[in-house]
Amino acid sequence: MNTQQRLKKKIESQIKRIRQAEHDRPTLLSQTVYIGTLGLVMVLPIIGGVYLGRWLDGMMAGYSMRWTLSLLFTGLVVGIFNVFFLIKD
């Protein structure tokens, strides 16, 4: 195979990849769903941690926010890891 044929094949494959990329371009709806999913995987562990912490603090005698704050920060860390692993893929 000579140089011109290899060049022609390479250009054809690049044109094919460009057309496929244009066809597979994400739409506004798919991007909105992706952003919404990122928000949910970040916020839900935080909210769950706060509610669980409030419930545990309510079971203790006296005024305490120890569980609420601990589980709030735990939910924050879990949410950050969720977003990281979702974006990584």
N, C-alpha and C. Protein backbone atom coordinates (compact mmCIF):
# COMPACT_ATOMS: atom_id res chain seq x y z
N MET A 1 0.85 -1.17 0.00
CA MET A 1 0.00 0.00 0.00
C MET A 1 0.90 1.23 0.00
N ASN A 2 0.62 2.11 -0.90
CA ASN A 2 1.48 3.29 -0.99
C ASN A 2 1.02 4.38 -0.02
N THR A 3 1.77 5.44 0.00
CA THR A 3 1.54 6.52 0.95
C THR A 3 0.20 7.22 0.71
N GLN A 4 -0.17 7.41 -0.54
CA GLN A 4 -1.44 8.09 -0.85
C GLN A 4 -2.63 7.28 -0.37
N GLN A 5 -2.58 5.98 -0.51
CA GLN A 5 -3.69 5.15 -0.07
C GLN A 5 -3.81 5.15 1.45
N ARG A 6 -2.68 5.10 2.14
CA ARG A 6 -2.72 5.16 3.61
C ARG A 6 -3.26 6.50 4.09
N LEU A 7 -2.85 7.57 3.43
CA LEU A 7 -3.33 8.90 3.78
C LEU A 7 -4.84 9.00 3.53
N LYS A 8 -5.29 8.46 2.41
CA LYS A 8 -6.71 8.48 2.08
C LYS A 8 -7.52 7.70 3.10
N LYS A 9 -7.04 6.53 3.52
CA LYS A 9 -7.74 5.74 4.53
C LYS A 9 -7.80 6.47 5.87
N LYS A 10 -6.70 7.11 6.22
CA LYS A 10 -6.65 7.83 7.50
C LYS A 10 -7.63 9.00 7.50
N ILE A 11 -7.68 9.74 6.41
CA ILE A 11 -8.60 10.87 6.30
C ILE A 11 -10.04 10.39 6.32
N GLU A 12 -10.33 9.29 5.64
CA GLU A 12 -11.69 8.74 5.63
C GLU A 12 -12.12 8.30 7.02
N SER A 13 -11.20 7.70 7.77
CA SER A 13 -11.55 7.27 9.12
C SER A 13 -11.77 8.48 10.04
N GLN A 14 -11.00 9.54 9.84
CA GLN A 14 -11.19 10.75 10.65
C GLN A 14 -12.51 11.43 10.31
N ILE A 15 -12.88 11.45 9.04
CA ILE A 15 -14.17 12.02 8.64
C ILE A 15 -15.31 11.21 9.25
N LYS A 16 -15.16 9.91 9.24
CA LYS A 16 -16.18 9.05 9.83
C LYS A 16 -16.32 9.31 11.33
N ARG A 17 -15.20 9.48 12.04
CA ARG A 17 -15.24 9.77 13.47
C ARG A 17 -15.88 11.13 13.75
N ILE A 18 -15.59 12.12 12.92
CA ILE A 18 -16.18 13.46 13.10
C ILE A 18 -17.69 13.41 12.90
N ARG A 19 -18.14 12.70 11.88
CA ARG A 19 -19.58 12.58 11.64
C ARG A 19 -20.27 11.84 12.77
N GLN A 20 -19.62 10.81 13.29
CA GLN A 20 -20.20 10.06 14.41
C GLN A 20 -20.27 10.95 15.65
N ALA A 21 -19.26 11.75 15.89
CA ALA A 21 -19.25 12.66 17.05
C ALA A 21 -20.35 13.71 16.92
N GLU A 22 -20.58 14.22 15.72
CA GLU A 22 -21.67 15.18 15.51
C GLU A 22 -23.02 14.52 15.74
N HIS A 23 -23.14 13.28 15.36
CA HIS A 23 -24.40 12.56 15.53
C HIS A 23 -24.66 12.25 17.01
N ASP A 24 -23.61 11.95 17.77
CA ASP A 24 -23.75 11.57 19.16
C ASP A 24 -23.67 12.74 20.13
N ARG A 25 -23.69 13.96 19.61
CA ARG A 25 -23.60 15.15 20.46
C ARG A 25 -24.76 15.16 21.46
N PRO A 26 -24.47 15.40 22.75
CA PRO A 26 -25.54 15.40 23.75
C PRO A 26 -26.51 16.56 23.53
N THR A 27 -27.78 16.27 23.76
CA THR A 27 -28.81 17.29 23.60
C THR A 27 -28.96 18.09 24.90
N LEU A 28 -29.72 19.15 24.83
CA LEU A 28 -29.96 19.97 26.02
C LEU A 28 -30.67 19.17 27.10
N LEU A 29 -31.61 18.33 26.69
CA LEU A 29 -32.35 17.53 27.67
C LEU A 29 -31.42 16.53 28.37
N SER A 30 -30.55 15.88 27.62
CA SER A 30 -29.65 14.90 28.24
C SER A 30 -28.66 15.60 29.17
N GLN A 31 -28.20 16.78 28.81
CA GLN A 31 -27.29 17.52 29.69
C GLN A 31 -28.00 17.97 30.96
N THR A 32 -29.27 18.37 30.84
CA THR A 32 -30.05 18.79 32.00
C THR A 32 -30.27 17.61 32.94
N VAL A 33 -30.57 16.45 32.39
CA VAL A 33 -30.75 15.26 33.22
C VAL A 33 -29.46 14.90 33.92
N TYR A 34 -28.35 15.02 33.24
CA TYR A 34 -27.04 14.71 33.83
C TYR A 34 -26.73 15.65 35.00
N ILE A 35 -26.97 16.94 34.81
CA ILE A 35 -26.72 17.92 35.88
C ILE A 35 -27.66 17.65 37.06
N GLY A 36 -28.92 17.32 36.77
CA GLY A 36 -29.86 17.00 37.83
C GLY A 36 -29.44 15.78 38.62
N THR A 37 -28.94 14.78 37.92
CA THR A 37 -28.45 13.58 38.59
C THR A 37 -27.26 13.90 39.49
N LEU A 38 -26.35 14.73 38.99
CA LEU A 38 -25.22 15.16 39.82
C LEU A 38 -25.70 15.85 41.09
N GLY A 39 -26.70 16.71 40.95
CA GLY A 39 -27.25 17.40 42.12
C GLY A 39 -27.86 16.44 43.12
N LEU A 40 -28.61 15.46 42.62
CA LEU A 40 -29.24 14.51 43.52
C LEU A 40 -28.23 13.63 44.26
N VAL A 41 -27.23 13.14 43.55
CA VAL A 41 -26.26 12.28 44.24
C VAL A 41 -25.40 13.07 45.21
N MET A 42 -25.39 14.39 45.09
CA MET A 42 -24.67 15.22 46.05
C MET A 42 -25.55 15.56 47.25
N VAL A 43 -26.81 15.90 47.00
CA VAL A 43 -27.67 16.43 48.05
C VAL A 43 -28.33 15.34 48.89
N LEU A 44 -28.72 14.23 48.28
CA LEU A 44 -29.45 13.20 49.03
C LEU A 44 -28.67 12.61 50.21
N PRO A 45 -27.38 12.30 50.09
CA PRO A 45 -26.67 11.82 51.28
C PRO A 45 -26.58 12.87 52.39
N ILE A 46 -26.49 14.13 52.03
CA ILE A 46 -26.43 15.19 53.03
C ILE A 46 -27.75 15.27 53.78
N ILE A 47 -28.85 15.30 53.03
CA ILE A 47 -30.18 15.39 53.66
C ILE A 47 -30.45 14.15 54.50
N GLY A 48 -30.11 12.98 53.98
CA GLY A 48 -30.30 11.75 54.75
C GLY A 48 -29.49 11.76 56.03
N GLY A 49 -28.26 12.23 55.97
CA GLY A 49 -27.43 12.31 57.17
C GLY A 49 -27.99 13.27 58.20
N VAL A 50 -28.51 14.40 57.75
CA VAL A 50 -29.09 15.38 58.68
C VAL A 50 -30.33 14.81 59.35
N TYR A 51 -31.21 14.19 58.58
CA TYR A 51 -32.43 13.62 59.17
C TYR A 51 -32.10 12.49 60.15
N LEU A 52 -31.17 11.63 59.78
CA LEU A 52 -30.79 10.55 60.68
C LEU A 52 -30.13 11.13 61.94
N GLY A 53 -29.30 12.14 61.79
CA GLY A 53 -28.65 12.77 62.93
C GLY A 53 -29.65 13.44 63.86
N ARG A 54 -30.64 14.12 63.27
CA ARG A 54 -31.68 14.77 64.09
C ARG A 54 -32.47 13.73 64.87
N TRP A 55 -32.77 12.61 64.24
CA TRP A 55 -33.51 11.55 64.92
C TRP A 55 -32.69 10.97 66.07
N LEU A 56 -31.40 10.72 65.82
CA LEU A 56 -30.55 10.19 66.88
C LEU A 56 -30.36 11.20 68.01
N ASP A 57 -30.21 12.49 67.67
CA ASP A 57 -30.09 13.51 68.70
C ASP A 57 -31.38 13.66 69.50
N GLY A 58 -32.51 13.46 68.86
CA GLY A 58 -33.79 13.54 69.56
C GLY A 58 -33.97 12.42 70.56
N MET A 59 -33.31 11.31 70.35
CA MET A 59 -33.42 10.18 71.27
C MET A 59 -32.53 10.36 72.50
N MET A 60 -31.56 11.28 72.42
CA MET A 60 -30.67 11.52 73.55
C MET A 60 -31.30 12.54 74.50
N ALA A 61 -30.95 12.43 75.77
CA ALA A 61 -31.46 13.38 76.76
C ALA A 61 -30.72 14.71 76.61
N GLY A 62 -31.45 15.82 76.77
CA GLY A 62 -30.83 17.13 76.67
C GLY A 62 -30.71 17.59 75.23
N TYR A 63 -30.10 18.75 75.07
CA TYR A 63 -29.94 19.34 73.73
C TYR A 63 -28.59 18.93 73.17
N SER A 64 -28.61 18.27 72.03
CA SER A 64 -27.37 17.81 71.42
C SER A 64 -27.48 17.95 69.92
N MET A 65 -26.39 18.31 69.30
CA MET A 65 -26.33 18.34 67.84
C MET A 65 -25.15 17.51 67.34
N ARG A 66 -24.63 16.68 68.21
CA ARG A 66 -23.45 15.89 67.88
C ARG A 66 -23.69 14.99 66.68
N TRP A 67 -24.76 14.20 66.71
CA TRP A 67 -25.04 13.29 65.60
C TRP A 67 -25.40 14.04 64.33
N THR A 68 -26.15 15.11 64.49
CA THR A 68 -26.56 15.88 63.31
C THR A 68 -25.35 16.42 62.56
N LEU A 69 -24.44 17.04 63.27
CA LEU A 69 -23.26 17.60 62.62
C LEU A 69 -22.34 16.52 62.08
N SER A 70 -22.18 15.44 62.83
CA SER A 70 -21.31 14.35 62.37
C SER A 70 -21.85 13.73 61.08
N LEU A 71 -23.14 13.46 61.06
CA LEU A 71 -23.72 12.84 59.87
C LEU A 71 -23.89 13.83 58.72
N LEU A 72 -23.98 15.12 59.03
CA LEU A 72 -23.99 16.13 57.97
C LEU A 72 -22.66 16.10 57.22
N PHE A 73 -21.56 16.11 57.95
CA PHE A 73 -20.25 16.07 57.29
C PHE A 73 -19.99 14.73 56.62
N THR A 74 -20.48 13.65 57.21
CA THR A 74 -20.35 12.34 56.57
C THR A 74 -21.12 12.32 55.26
N GLY A 75 -22.34 12.87 55.27
CA GLY A 75 -23.14 12.96 54.04
C GLY A 75 -22.47 13.83 52.99
N LEU A 76 -21.81 14.89 53.41
CA LEU A 76 -21.08 15.75 52.49
C LEU A 76 -19.95 15.00 51.81
N VAL A 77 -19.20 14.24 52.59
CA VAL A 77 -18.08 13.46 52.04
C VAL A 77 -18.61 12.39 51.08
N VAL A 78 -19.68 11.70 51.48
CA VAL A 78 -20.27 10.68 50.61
C VAL A 78 -20.78 11.31 49.32
N GLY A 79 -21.41 12.47 49.41
CA GLY A 79 -21.90 13.16 48.22
C GLY A 79 -20.78 13.56 47.28
N ILE A 80 -19.69 14.04 47.83
CA ILE A 80 -18.55 14.43 47.00
C ILE A 80 -17.97 13.21 46.28
N PHE A 81 -17.85 12.09 47.01
CA PHE A 81 -17.35 10.87 46.36
C PHE A 81 -18.33 10.39 45.28
N ASN A 82 -19.64 10.49 45.54
CA ASN A 82 -20.63 10.09 44.53
C ASN A 82 -20.46 10.90 43.25
N VAL A 83 -20.33 12.21 43.39
CA VAL A 83 -20.16 13.07 42.22
C VAL A 83 -18.86 12.76 41.51
N PHE A 84 -17.80 12.55 42.26
CA PHE A 84 -16.51 12.23 41.66
C PHE A 84 -16.60 10.95 40.83
N PHE A 85 -17.18 9.91 41.40
CA PHE A 85 -17.26 8.64 40.68
C PHE A 85 -18.23 8.70 39.50
N LEU A 86 -19.26 9.53 39.59
CA LEU A 86 -20.19 9.67 38.47
C LEU A 86 -19.54 10.43 37.33
N ILE A 87 -18.76 11.47 37.64
CA ILE A 87 -18.09 12.25 36.59
C ILE A 87 -16.93 11.46 35.99
N LYS A 88 -16.27 10.66 36.80
CA LYS A 88 -15.10 9.91 36.35
C LYS A 88 -15.44 8.95 35.20
N ASP A 89 -16.63 8.41 35.19
CA ASP A 89 -17.00 7.46 34.13
C ASP A 89 -17.38 8.09 32.86
